[in-house]
Each structure stands twice: as structure tokens, then as C-alpha cells.
N, C-alpha and C. Protein backbone atom coordinates (compact mmCIF):
# COMPACT_ATOMS: atom_id res chain seq x y z
N MET A 1 2.49 -5.09 17.89
CA MET A 1 1.57 -5.11 16.70
C MET A 1 2.05 -6.04 15.72
N ALA A 2 1.19 -6.57 15.01
CA ALA A 2 1.66 -7.61 13.89
C ALA A 2 2.13 -6.84 12.73
N GLU A 3 2.90 -7.46 11.84
CA GLU A 3 3.45 -6.90 10.68
C GLU A 3 2.47 -6.87 9.65
N PHE A 4 2.44 -5.61 8.91
CA PHE A 4 1.57 -5.33 7.86
C PHE A 4 2.16 -6.09 6.58
N THR A 5 1.32 -6.96 5.99
CA THR A 5 2.02 -7.82 5.01
C THR A 5 1.53 -7.45 3.50
N VAL A 6 2.26 -8.09 2.49
CA VAL A 6 1.85 -7.79 1.14
C VAL A 6 0.42 -8.30 0.96
N ASN A 7 -0.08 -9.31 1.56
CA ASN A 7 -1.51 -9.69 1.50
C ASN A 7 -2.49 -8.60 2.05
N ASP A 8 -1.99 -7.93 3.09
CA ASP A 8 -2.89 -6.96 3.69
C ASP A 8 -2.79 -5.67 2.61
N LEU A 9 -1.79 -5.45 2.07
CA LEU A 9 -1.64 -4.33 1.03
C LEU A 9 -2.44 -4.61 -0.21
N ALA A 10 -2.31 -5.94 -0.58
CA ALA A 10 -3.07 -6.27 -1.67
C ALA A 10 -4.72 -6.08 -1.61
N GLN A 11 -5.19 -6.47 -0.42
CA GLN A 11 -6.54 -6.26 -0.12
C GLN A 11 -6.96 -4.87 -0.27
N LEU A 12 -6.14 -4.05 0.40
CA LEU A 12 -6.38 -2.53 0.40
C LEU A 12 -6.58 -2.11 -1.02
N LEU A 13 -5.34 -2.42 -1.89
CA LEU A 13 -5.35 -1.95 -3.23
C LEU A 13 -6.65 -2.29 -3.85
N ARG A 14 -7.08 -3.57 -3.77
CA ARG A 14 -8.35 -4.06 -4.39
C ARG A 14 -9.44 -3.20 -3.95
N GLU A 15 -9.58 -2.92 -2.57
CA GLU A 15 -10.81 -2.02 -2.05
C GLU A 15 -10.76 -0.73 -2.62
N CYS A 16 -9.47 -0.06 -2.71
CA CYS A 16 -9.39 1.31 -3.23
C CYS A 16 -9.30 1.38 -4.62
N GLY A 17 -8.83 0.37 -5.26
CA GLY A 17 -8.78 0.41 -6.80
C GLY A 17 -9.86 -0.16 -7.56
N GLY A 18 -10.78 -0.63 -7.00
CA GLY A 18 -11.68 -1.41 -7.64
C GLY A 18 -11.48 -2.88 -8.09
N GLU A 19 -12.42 -3.75 -7.51
CA GLU A 19 -12.15 -5.07 -7.66
C GLU A 19 -12.13 -5.40 -9.17
N ASP A 20 -13.13 -4.88 -9.99
CA ASP A 20 -13.18 -5.25 -11.43
C ASP A 20 -12.04 -4.99 -12.23
N GLU A 21 -11.29 -3.92 -11.81
CA GLU A 21 -10.02 -3.48 -12.76
C GLU A 21 -8.69 -3.88 -12.01
N THR A 22 -8.78 -4.58 -10.84
CA THR A 22 -7.67 -5.06 -10.15
C THR A 22 -6.81 -5.84 -10.97
N PRO A 23 -5.48 -5.59 -11.19
CA PRO A 23 -4.59 -6.40 -11.69
C PRO A 23 -4.22 -7.62 -10.92
N ASP A 24 -3.57 -8.73 -11.35
CA ASP A 24 -3.32 -9.94 -10.61
C ASP A 24 -2.20 -9.58 -9.62
N LEU A 25 -2.50 -9.70 -8.32
CA LEU A 25 -1.45 -9.46 -7.21
C LEU A 25 -1.10 -10.82 -6.60
N SER A 26 -1.39 -11.97 -7.29
CA SER A 26 -1.06 -13.25 -6.59
C SER A 26 0.44 -13.52 -6.72
N GLY A 27 1.13 -12.96 -7.56
CA GLY A 27 2.71 -13.39 -7.71
C GLY A 27 3.49 -12.48 -7.02
N ASP A 28 4.75 -12.53 -7.30
CA ASP A 28 5.68 -11.71 -6.61
C ASP A 28 5.69 -10.37 -7.23
N VAL A 29 4.82 -9.50 -6.59
CA VAL A 29 4.85 -8.05 -7.14
C VAL A 29 5.51 -6.83 -6.19
N ALA A 30 6.17 -7.41 -5.19
CA ALA A 30 6.71 -6.53 -4.27
C ALA A 30 7.55 -5.36 -4.85
N ASN A 31 8.24 -5.79 -5.83
CA ASN A 31 9.19 -4.80 -6.46
C ASN A 31 8.80 -4.15 -7.71
N THR A 32 7.52 -4.33 -7.93
CA THR A 32 6.95 -3.83 -9.22
C THR A 32 6.29 -2.58 -8.99
N GLN A 33 6.52 -1.51 -9.88
CA GLN A 33 6.08 -0.08 -9.54
C GLN A 33 4.47 -0.24 -9.53
N PHE A 34 3.99 0.58 -8.53
CA PHE A 34 2.50 0.61 -8.51
C PHE A 34 1.82 1.16 -9.92
N GLU A 35 2.58 2.04 -10.50
CA GLU A 35 2.06 2.49 -11.79
C GLU A 35 1.80 1.30 -12.91
N ASP A 36 3.01 0.39 -12.82
CA ASP A 36 2.91 -0.65 -13.82
C ASP A 36 1.82 -1.73 -13.33
N LEU A 37 1.32 -1.61 -12.21
CA LEU A 37 0.32 -2.53 -11.66
C LEU A 37 -0.99 -1.90 -11.97
N GLY A 38 -1.16 -0.60 -12.43
CA GLY A 38 -2.31 0.10 -12.84
C GLY A 38 -2.76 0.75 -11.74
N TYR A 39 -2.11 1.23 -10.67
CA TYR A 39 -2.56 1.97 -9.50
C TYR A 39 -1.90 3.23 -9.55
N ASP A 40 -2.78 4.36 -9.52
CA ASP A 40 -2.33 5.67 -9.43
C ASP A 40 -2.05 6.38 -8.16
N SER A 41 -1.65 7.58 -7.95
CA SER A 41 -1.38 8.07 -6.72
C SER A 41 -2.67 8.33 -5.78
N LEU A 42 -3.77 8.48 -6.51
CA LEU A 42 -5.03 8.59 -5.92
C LEU A 42 -5.41 7.25 -5.16
N VAL A 43 -5.32 6.18 -5.64
CA VAL A 43 -5.42 4.82 -5.06
C VAL A 43 -4.53 4.69 -3.90
N LEU A 44 -3.34 5.18 -4.11
CA LEU A 44 -2.19 4.97 -2.96
C LEU A 44 -2.60 5.89 -1.76
N PHE A 45 -3.06 7.00 -2.15
CA PHE A 45 -3.46 7.91 -1.16
C PHE A 45 -4.56 7.50 -0.31
N ASN A 46 -5.61 6.80 -1.05
CA ASN A 46 -6.65 6.22 -0.16
C ASN A 46 -6.24 4.91 0.59
N VAL A 47 -5.31 4.12 -0.01
CA VAL A 47 -4.73 3.02 0.79
C VAL A 47 -4.06 3.47 2.12
N ILE A 48 -3.25 4.59 1.96
CA ILE A 48 -2.52 5.28 2.98
C ILE A 48 -3.51 5.77 4.07
N CYS A 49 -4.53 6.37 3.62
CA CYS A 49 -5.54 6.99 4.60
C CYS A 49 -6.16 5.83 5.48
N LYS A 50 -6.50 4.75 4.80
CA LYS A 50 -7.15 3.55 5.43
C LYS A 50 -6.14 2.90 6.38
N VAL A 51 -5.07 2.91 5.96
CA VAL A 51 -3.79 2.35 6.89
C VAL A 51 -3.67 3.14 8.17
N GLN A 52 -3.65 4.36 8.08
CA GLN A 52 -3.54 5.36 9.07
C GLN A 52 -4.68 5.32 10.08
N ARG A 53 -5.88 5.18 9.48
CA ARG A 53 -7.16 5.04 10.44
C ARG A 53 -7.13 3.57 11.10
N ARG A 54 -6.96 2.67 10.38
CA ARG A 54 -7.00 1.30 11.02
C ARG A 54 -6.10 0.96 12.13
N TYR A 55 -4.77 1.56 11.88
CA TYR A 55 -3.63 1.18 12.69
C TYR A 55 -3.30 2.39 13.51
N SER A 56 -3.95 3.37 13.45
CA SER A 56 -3.73 4.65 14.41
C SER A 56 -2.28 5.05 14.32
N ILE A 57 -1.82 5.11 13.16
CA ILE A 57 -0.35 5.76 12.75
C ILE A 57 -0.46 6.85 11.93
N GLN A 58 0.59 7.65 11.81
CA GLN A 58 0.75 8.76 10.98
C GLN A 58 1.82 8.52 9.98
N LEU A 59 1.49 8.68 8.84
CA LEU A 59 2.53 8.52 7.71
C LEU A 59 2.81 9.88 6.98
N ALA A 60 4.00 10.09 6.49
CA ALA A 60 4.44 11.40 5.97
C ALA A 60 3.52 11.61 4.81
N ASP A 61 3.30 12.72 4.47
CA ASP A 61 2.40 13.28 3.29
C ASP A 61 3.23 12.75 1.92
N ASP A 62 4.41 12.80 1.96
CA ASP A 62 5.04 12.32 0.80
C ASP A 62 5.47 10.86 0.47
N VAL A 63 4.83 9.99 1.29
CA VAL A 63 4.95 8.53 1.14
C VAL A 63 4.25 8.19 -0.26
N VAL A 64 3.28 8.82 -0.63
CA VAL A 64 2.49 8.51 -1.91
C VAL A 64 3.57 8.58 -2.98
N VAL A 65 4.57 9.63 -3.02
CA VAL A 65 5.34 9.70 -4.00
C VAL A 65 6.59 8.96 -3.81
N ASP A 66 7.05 8.91 -2.52
CA ASP A 66 8.38 8.11 -2.37
C ASP A 66 8.28 6.71 -2.48
N ALA A 67 7.02 6.05 -2.05
CA ALA A 67 6.88 4.66 -2.05
C ALA A 67 6.31 4.19 -3.31
N SER A 68 7.15 3.91 -4.17
CA SER A 68 6.78 3.63 -5.66
C SER A 68 6.34 1.96 -5.84
N THR A 69 6.80 1.14 -4.88
CA THR A 69 6.49 -0.29 -5.04
C THR A 69 6.06 -0.73 -3.58
N ALA A 70 5.33 -1.94 -3.80
CA ALA A 70 4.76 -2.49 -2.53
C ALA A 70 5.92 -2.60 -1.44
N ARG A 71 6.97 -3.06 -1.69
CA ARG A 71 8.17 -3.21 -0.77
C ARG A 71 8.45 -1.99 -0.09
N ASP A 72 8.52 -0.90 -0.90
CA ASP A 72 8.68 0.55 -0.26
C ASP A 72 7.70 0.84 0.71
N LEU A 73 6.46 0.78 0.28
CA LEU A 73 5.41 1.07 1.28
C LEU A 73 5.21 0.23 2.48
N LEU A 74 5.57 -1.19 2.26
CA LEU A 74 5.34 -2.06 3.42
C LEU A 74 6.46 -1.55 4.41
N GLU A 75 7.73 -1.14 3.92
CA GLU A 75 8.72 -0.79 4.83
C GLU A 75 8.33 0.45 5.73
N VAL A 76 7.79 1.40 4.99
CA VAL A 76 7.37 2.54 5.69
C VAL A 76 6.27 2.27 6.83
N ILE A 77 5.36 1.52 6.30
CA ILE A 77 4.24 1.10 7.21
C ILE A 77 4.83 0.38 8.48
N ASN A 78 5.44 -0.77 8.05
CA ASN A 78 5.98 -1.50 9.34
C ASN A 78 6.97 -0.81 10.11
N SER A 79 7.64 0.18 9.57
CA SER A 79 8.61 0.89 10.56
C SER A 79 7.86 1.69 11.37
N ARG A 80 6.66 2.34 10.98
CA ARG A 80 5.72 2.99 11.92
C ARG A 80 5.07 2.28 12.96
N LEU A 81 4.72 1.03 12.51
CA LEU A 81 3.94 -0.02 13.46
C LEU A 81 5.10 -0.34 14.59
N ALA A 82 6.16 -0.33 14.11
CA ALA A 82 7.06 -1.01 15.12
C ALA A 82 7.60 0.14 16.28
N ALA A 83 7.41 1.46 15.69
CA ALA A 83 7.74 2.66 16.61
C ALA A 83 6.91 2.79 17.74
């Protein structure tokens, strides 16, 4: 399975967070808190649901709370994809 990248995540954030209100994700935002980027837990929940469906993986329910940055979420998703 290919790696889930920050670009993949940015695309899903735009889909789930609304294109018109999306902050600039073109820079190095991997360590920026989702909250600081303008994304709340509902957006992250929707992103996680889409990832689970598209890649047929199961992520822990608390990943929405525990993964506060893109880097955190990418690590969790990629570890499940590698399993």
C-alpha cells in the first residue's frame, strides 16, 4: 500500500472542511495544530471516516483527540496501512 501523504490529508481536509473556508495548506503545516489551521474535531472525524472507508482500515475512536497535528494523524494512518 502506498503511503498516505500530507497532500492526501490536505485534500481530505479541504473536502470535509469546505473549500471556501480552507486555510492555506501549501506550506509546511505538518506540526501545526489542526485547531490553529481552523479545523475542529467534526472535520477531523469526517476525514477519519473517509480514510477508513477508502483504505479499508480501522482507526481508534480517540484518534480525533490524540492526533492534534497533521504529522500525528499521518503517523497513525500510515502505521495502520503498513499493518
